[in-house]
């Protein structure tokens, strides 16, 4: 069942979503060669709790951490570990969720660790651009398939592939609500988008083929061909005319800009 939100509820979802963005910005300050993904998880959990929220991922379905850290050919749901040490040239997707005032915030960002290969940089840029192209379709009267078609066509035209098994979703009191929001599809198909819906749009785009495998931990997904994958996610409220993005990459990118100077 799809739950429509009031404007008051959307504002609470915005608060949770912005806390996710602020958490990712805190991690942006320390993502560098030599840091472990376990340390990123520790910093994220402390920051979330210090801001009056709880990590939405921790314990969800048995997931053991507060964030997902997926490095290079890992697509999503990587488990932070003190054995995973970031190195120059890596890319890392960090997916984060918060629970505050009864509502879930959920967003993801892919970071370069130092200087990455130009083709990896192009993958990251294309994936992020495709997210905003998908968001452009997230208005009342469109359908879920319009979002997926926009993302898929944009990425495939640039030589990348779209994961099929993992999709976006509705969000509210629970982290995963209806409808599912695939990053592929046909225009004019799928659930109708209505004013008051809140969804997470999250392209997961592969440098090579779209096929994935699960690692032995039962969570981490990895590209079958070992090529890189990128992942970006925004929480979006559906209205007439224009989508309302509840999370904010600007907070993260301000940190990244300062670090590059």
Protein backbone atom coordinates (compact mmCIF):
# COMPACT_ATOMS: atom_id res chain seq x y z
CA UNK A 1 0.00 0.00 0.00
CA UNK A 2 1.18 3.51 -0.87
CA UNK A 3 0.94 6.04 1.98
CA UNK A 4 0.47 9.68 1.04
CA UNK A 5 2.10 12.16 3.42
CA UNK A 6 0.82 15.48 4.69
CA UNK A 7 3.07 18.53 4.32
CA UNK A 8 3.80 18.31 8.05
CA UNK A 9 4.96 14.72 7.64
CA UNK A 10 7.07 15.69 4.63
CA UNK A 11 8.82 18.30 6.77
CA UNK A 12 9.67 15.62 9.35
CA UNK A 13 10.98 13.43 6.54
CA UNK A 14 13.05 16.39 5.34
CA UNK A 15 14.55 16.75 8.82
CA UNK A 16 15.59 13.09 8.86
CA UNK A 17 16.87 13.27 5.29
CA UNK A 18 18.96 16.38 5.95
CA UNK A 19 20.52 14.65 8.94
CA UNK A 20 21.62 11.88 6.56
CA UNK A 21 23.19 14.50 4.29
CA UNK A 22 24.96 16.09 7.26
CA UNK A 23 26.22 12.66 8.33
CA UNK A 24 27.60 12.00 4.85
CA UNK A 25 29.26 15.42 4.96
CA UNK A 26 30.96 14.45 8.23
CA UNK A 27 32.28 11.33 6.50
CA UNK A 28 33.43 13.40 3.52
CA UNK A 29 35.82 15.15 5.92
CA UNK A 30 37.63 11.90 6.74
CA UNK A 31 37.36 9.73 3.62
CA UNK A 32 40.96 9.36 2.48
CA UNK A 33 43.57 6.67 1.84
CA UNK A 34 44.34 4.70 5.01
CA UNK A 35 40.98 4.96 6.77
CA UNK A 36 38.91 1.85 7.43
CA UNK A 37 35.24 1.53 6.59
CA UNK A 38 34.69 0.49 10.23
CA UNK A 39 35.94 3.93 11.31
CA UNK A 40 33.48 5.58 8.92
CA UNK A 41 30.69 3.56 10.50
CA UNK A 42 31.78 4.56 14.01
CA UNK A 43 31.85 8.26 13.13
CA UNK A 44 28.47 8.05 11.38
CA UNK A 45 26.73 6.33 14.28
CA UNK A 46 28.11 8.77 16.83
CA UNK A 47 27.05 11.77 14.72
CA UNK A 48 23.53 10.39 14.15
CA UNK A 49 22.99 9.69 17.86
CA UNK A 50 24.48 13.05 18.88
CA UNK A 51 21.79 14.67 16.72
CA UNK A 52 18.91 12.96 18.47
CA UNK A 53 18.30 10.19 15.96
CA UNK A 54 19.05 6.49 15.65
CA UNK A 55 20.74 4.72 12.72
CA UNK A 56 17.90 3.29 10.61
CA UNK A 57 20.11 0.60 9.07
CA UNK A 58 21.51 -0.90 12.27
CA UNK A 59 19.68 -4.13 13.01
CA UNK A 60 17.41 -3.72 9.96
CA UNK A 61 16.88 -7.29 8.77
CA UNK A 62 19.94 -8.15 10.85
CA UNK A 63 22.27 -5.65 9.16
CA UNK A 64 25.16 -5.11 11.62
CA UNK A 65 26.17 -1.50 10.93
CA UNK A 66 24.89 2.08 10.73
CA UNK A 67 25.98 2.68 7.13
CA UNK A 68 26.59 0.61 4.00
CA UNK A 69 30.09 1.05 2.55
CA UNK A 70 30.51 -0.37 -0.95
CA UNK A 71 33.98 -0.10 -2.48
CA UNK A 72 34.83 -0.25 -6.19
CA UNK A 73 33.07 -3.33 -7.65
CA UNK A 74 30.71 -3.61 -4.68
CA UNK A 75 27.34 -2.22 -5.75
CA UNK A 76 25.39 -1.76 -2.51
CA UNK A 77 24.99 -3.06 1.07
CA UNK A 78 28.70 -3.46 1.82
CA UNK A 79 29.33 -4.07 5.52
CA UNK A 80 31.89 -1.79 7.19
CA UNK A 81 34.97 -3.61 8.45
CA UNK A 82 38.28 -2.85 10.12
CA UNK A 83 39.82 -5.08 7.44
CA UNK A 84 38.73 -2.80 4.58
CA UNK A 85 41.28 0.01 4.30
CA UNK A 86 40.63 2.64 1.63
CA UNK A 87 43.46 3.31 -0.77
CA UNK A 88 44.30 5.96 -3.35
CA UNK A 89 42.14 5.55 -6.46
CA UNK A 90 39.28 3.72 -4.76
CA UNK A 91 35.68 4.82 -5.01
CA UNK A 92 33.25 4.22 -2.16
CA UNK A 93 29.48 4.44 -2.06
CA UNK A 94 28.16 5.32 1.40
CA UNK A 95 24.45 4.68 2.01
CA UNK A 96 23.03 6.02 5.26
CA UNK A 97 19.69 6.05 7.04
CA UNK A 98 18.38 7.86 10.10
CA UNK A 99 15.24 7.48 12.20
CA UNK A 100 14.02 10.65 13.90
CA UNK A 101 10.60 11.87 15.04
CA UNK A 102 9.03 8.70 13.67
CA UNK A 103 10.34 9.08 10.11
CA UNK A 104 13.23 7.62 8.12
CA UNK A 105 15.81 9.58 6.15
CA UNK A 106 17.72 7.69 3.44
CA UNK A 107 20.37 8.92 1.02
CA UNK A 108 23.63 7.77 -0.59
CA UNK A 109 26.69 9.36 -2.17
CA UNK A 110 29.71 7.94 -3.98
CA UNK A 111 33.10 9.40 -3.06
CA UNK A 112 36.43 9.32 -4.84
CA UNK A 113 39.34 8.37 -2.60
CA UNK A 114 42.10 10.65 -3.83
CA UNK A 115 42.53 10.66 -7.60
CA UNK A 116 40.43 8.06 -9.43
CA UNK A 117 40.70 6.73 -12.97
CA UNK A 118 39.04 9.11 -15.48
CA UNK A 119 36.63 6.37 -16.58
CA UNK A 120 35.59 5.78 -12.96
CA UNK A 121 35.12 9.53 -12.59
CA UNK A 122 32.88 9.48 -15.68
CA UNK A 123 30.86 6.61 -14.16
CA UNK A 124 30.36 8.58 -10.95
CA UNK A 125 29.33 11.73 -12.81
CA UNK A 126 26.94 9.90 -15.12
CA UNK A 127 25.30 8.10 -12.21
CA UNK A 128 24.78 11.34 -10.29
CA UNK A 129 23.47 13.11 -13.38
CA UNK A 130 21.07 10.25 -14.06
CA UNK A 131 19.65 10.64 -10.54
CA UNK A 132 18.66 14.23 -11.25
CA UNK A 133 17.30 13.28 -14.67
CA UNK A 134 15.14 10.68 -12.93
CA UNK A 135 14.05 13.23 -10.34
CA UNK A 136 12.91 15.45 -13.21
CA UNK A 137 10.22 12.84 -13.93
CA UNK A 138 9.11 12.61 -10.27
CA UNK A 139 5.99 14.78 -10.49
CA UNK A 140 2.30 14.15 -10.03
CA UNK A 141 0.71 12.45 -13.03
CA UNK A 142 3.87 10.69 -14.21
CA UNK A 143 4.53 7.02 -13.51
CA UNK A 144 7.35 5.10 -11.87
CA UNK A 145 8.34 3.75 -15.29
CA UNK A 146 9.01 7.29 -16.49
CA UNK A 147 11.68 7.66 -13.80
CA UNK A 148 13.28 4.33 -14.63
CA UNK A 149 13.23 4.97 -18.37
CA UNK A 150 14.91 8.37 -17.94
CA UNK A 151 17.72 6.90 -15.79
CA UNK A 152 18.23 3.81 -17.93
CA UNK A 153 18.34 5.60 -21.27
CA UNK A 154 20.72 8.28 -19.99
CA UNK A 155 23.21 5.75 -18.58
CA UNK A 156 23.03 3.22 -21.40
CA UNK A 157 23.59 5.93 -24.02
CA UNK A 158 26.88 6.61 -22.22
CA UNK A 159 27.98 2.97 -22.27
CA UNK A 160 27.03 1.99 -18.72
CA UNK A 161 24.55 -0.60 -17.45
CA UNK A 162 21.74 -0.53 -14.89
CA UNK A 163 21.38 -3.03 -12.04
CA UNK A 164 18.02 -4.83 -12.14
CA UNK A 165 17.82 -6.65 -8.80
CA UNK A 166 18.16 -3.57 -6.58
CA UNK A 167 15.65 -0.71 -6.81
CA UNK A 168 14.50 2.49 -5.14
CA UNK A 169 11.44 2.58 -2.89
CA UNK A 170 8.89 4.57 -0.97
CA UNK A 171 9.95 5.89 2.43
CA UNK A 172 8.10 7.15 5.51
CA UNK A 173 7.59 5.62 8.94
CA UNK A 174 9.37 2.60 7.46
CA UNK A 175 12.53 2.52 5.38
CA UNK A 176 11.01 0.48 2.58
CA UNK A 177 7.46 1.33 1.58
CA UNK A 178 5.56 0.95 -1.69
CA UNK A 179 6.07 1.62 -4.50
CA UNK A 180 9.27 0.06 -5.76
CA UNK A 181 11.18 2.49 -7.98
CA UNK A 182 13.37 0.64 -10.52
CA UNK A 183 16.17 2.45 -12.35
CA UNK A 184 14.99 0.95 -15.65
CA UNK A 185 11.62 0.63 -17.32
CA UNK A 186 9.18 1.80 -19.95
CA UNK A 187 7.52 5.18 -20.07
CA UNK A 188 3.90 5.24 -19.00
CA UNK A 189 4.10 2.08 -16.89
CA UNK A 190 4.16 1.37 -13.16
CA UNK A 191 2.52 3.12 -10.23
CA UNK A 192 1.05 6.55 -10.81
CA UNK A 193 2.89 9.31 -8.95
CA UNK A 194 0.59 11.29 -6.68
CA UNK A 195 0.97 14.44 -4.62
CA UNK A 196 2.18 13.44 -1.14
CA UNK A 197 4.13 10.36 -2.14
CA UNK A 198 7.73 10.25 -0.88
CA UNK A 199 10.18 8.00 -2.69
CA UNK A 200 13.89 7.25 -2.74
CA UNK A 201 15.40 7.33 -6.22
CA UNK A 202 18.78 5.60 -6.26
CA UNK A 203 20.56 4.72 -9.51
CA UNK A 204 23.04 1.84 -9.16
CA UNK A 205 25.08 1.94 -12.34
CA UNK A 206 27.83 -0.41 -13.52
CA UNK A 207 30.93 0.35 -15.55
CA UNK A 208 30.63 -3.05 -17.25
CA UNK A 209 27.77 -5.53 -17.32
CA UNK A 210 24.73 -5.29 -15.05
CA UNK A 211 25.04 -8.81 -13.59
CA UNK A 212 25.68 -9.07 -9.86
CA UNK A 213 26.61 -11.66 -7.27
CA UNK A 214 26.06 -11.76 -3.51
CA UNK A 215 29.05 -12.13 -1.26
CA UNK A 216 29.08 -14.78 1.47
CA UNK A 217 27.93 -12.28 4.10
CA UNK A 218 24.49 -12.36 2.46
CA UNK A 219 24.35 -8.57 2.13
CA UNK A 220 27.10 -7.21 -0.08
CA UNK A 221 26.41 -7.22 -3.82
CA UNK A 222 29.28 -7.10 -6.27
CA UNK A 223 29.51 -6.81 -10.06
CA UNK A 224 30.05 -10.23 -11.61
CA UNK A 225 32.70 -8.88 -14.00
CA UNK A 226 34.65 -7.06 -11.26
CA UNK A 227 34.18 -3.59 -12.77
CA UNK A 228 33.18 -0.60 -10.69
CA UNK A 229 29.66 0.47 -9.75
CA UNK A 230 28.41 3.84 -8.46
CA UNK A 231 25.35 4.67 -6.36
CA UNK A 232 23.62 7.95 -5.50
CA UNK A 233 20.29 8.38 -3.72
CA UNK A 234 17.90 11.20 -2.86
CA UNK A 235 14.63 11.17 -0.94
CA UNK A 236 12.03 13.03 -3.00
CA UNK A 237 8.49 14.26 -2.26
CA UNK A 238 6.07 14.20 -5.19
CA UNK A 239 4.10 17.37 -5.95
CA UNK A 240 2.55 19.02 -8.97
CA UNK A 241 5.04 20.47 -11.42
CA UNK A 242 8.34 19.87 -9.65
CA UNK A 243 9.87 17.29 -7.31
CA UNK A 244 10.88 18.37 -3.80
CA UNK A 245 14.30 16.90 -2.95
CA UNK A 246 14.41 16.30 0.82
CA UNK A 247 18.09 15.32 1.13
CA UNK A 248 20.89 17.68 0.06
CA UNK A 249 24.13 16.87 -1.76
CA UNK A 250 25.17 20.53 -1.44
CA UNK A 251 26.13 19.98 2.21
CA UNK A 252 28.44 17.15 1.17
CA UNK A 253 29.90 18.89 -1.86
CA UNK A 254 30.72 22.02 0.12
CA UNK A 255 33.03 19.86 2.26
CA UNK A 256 34.55 18.27 -0.84
CA UNK A 257 35.18 21.69 -2.40
CA UNK A 258 36.97 22.95 0.70
CA UNK A 259 39.17 19.86 0.74
CA UNK A 260 40.15 20.27 -2.89
CA UNK A 261 41.55 23.78 -2.30
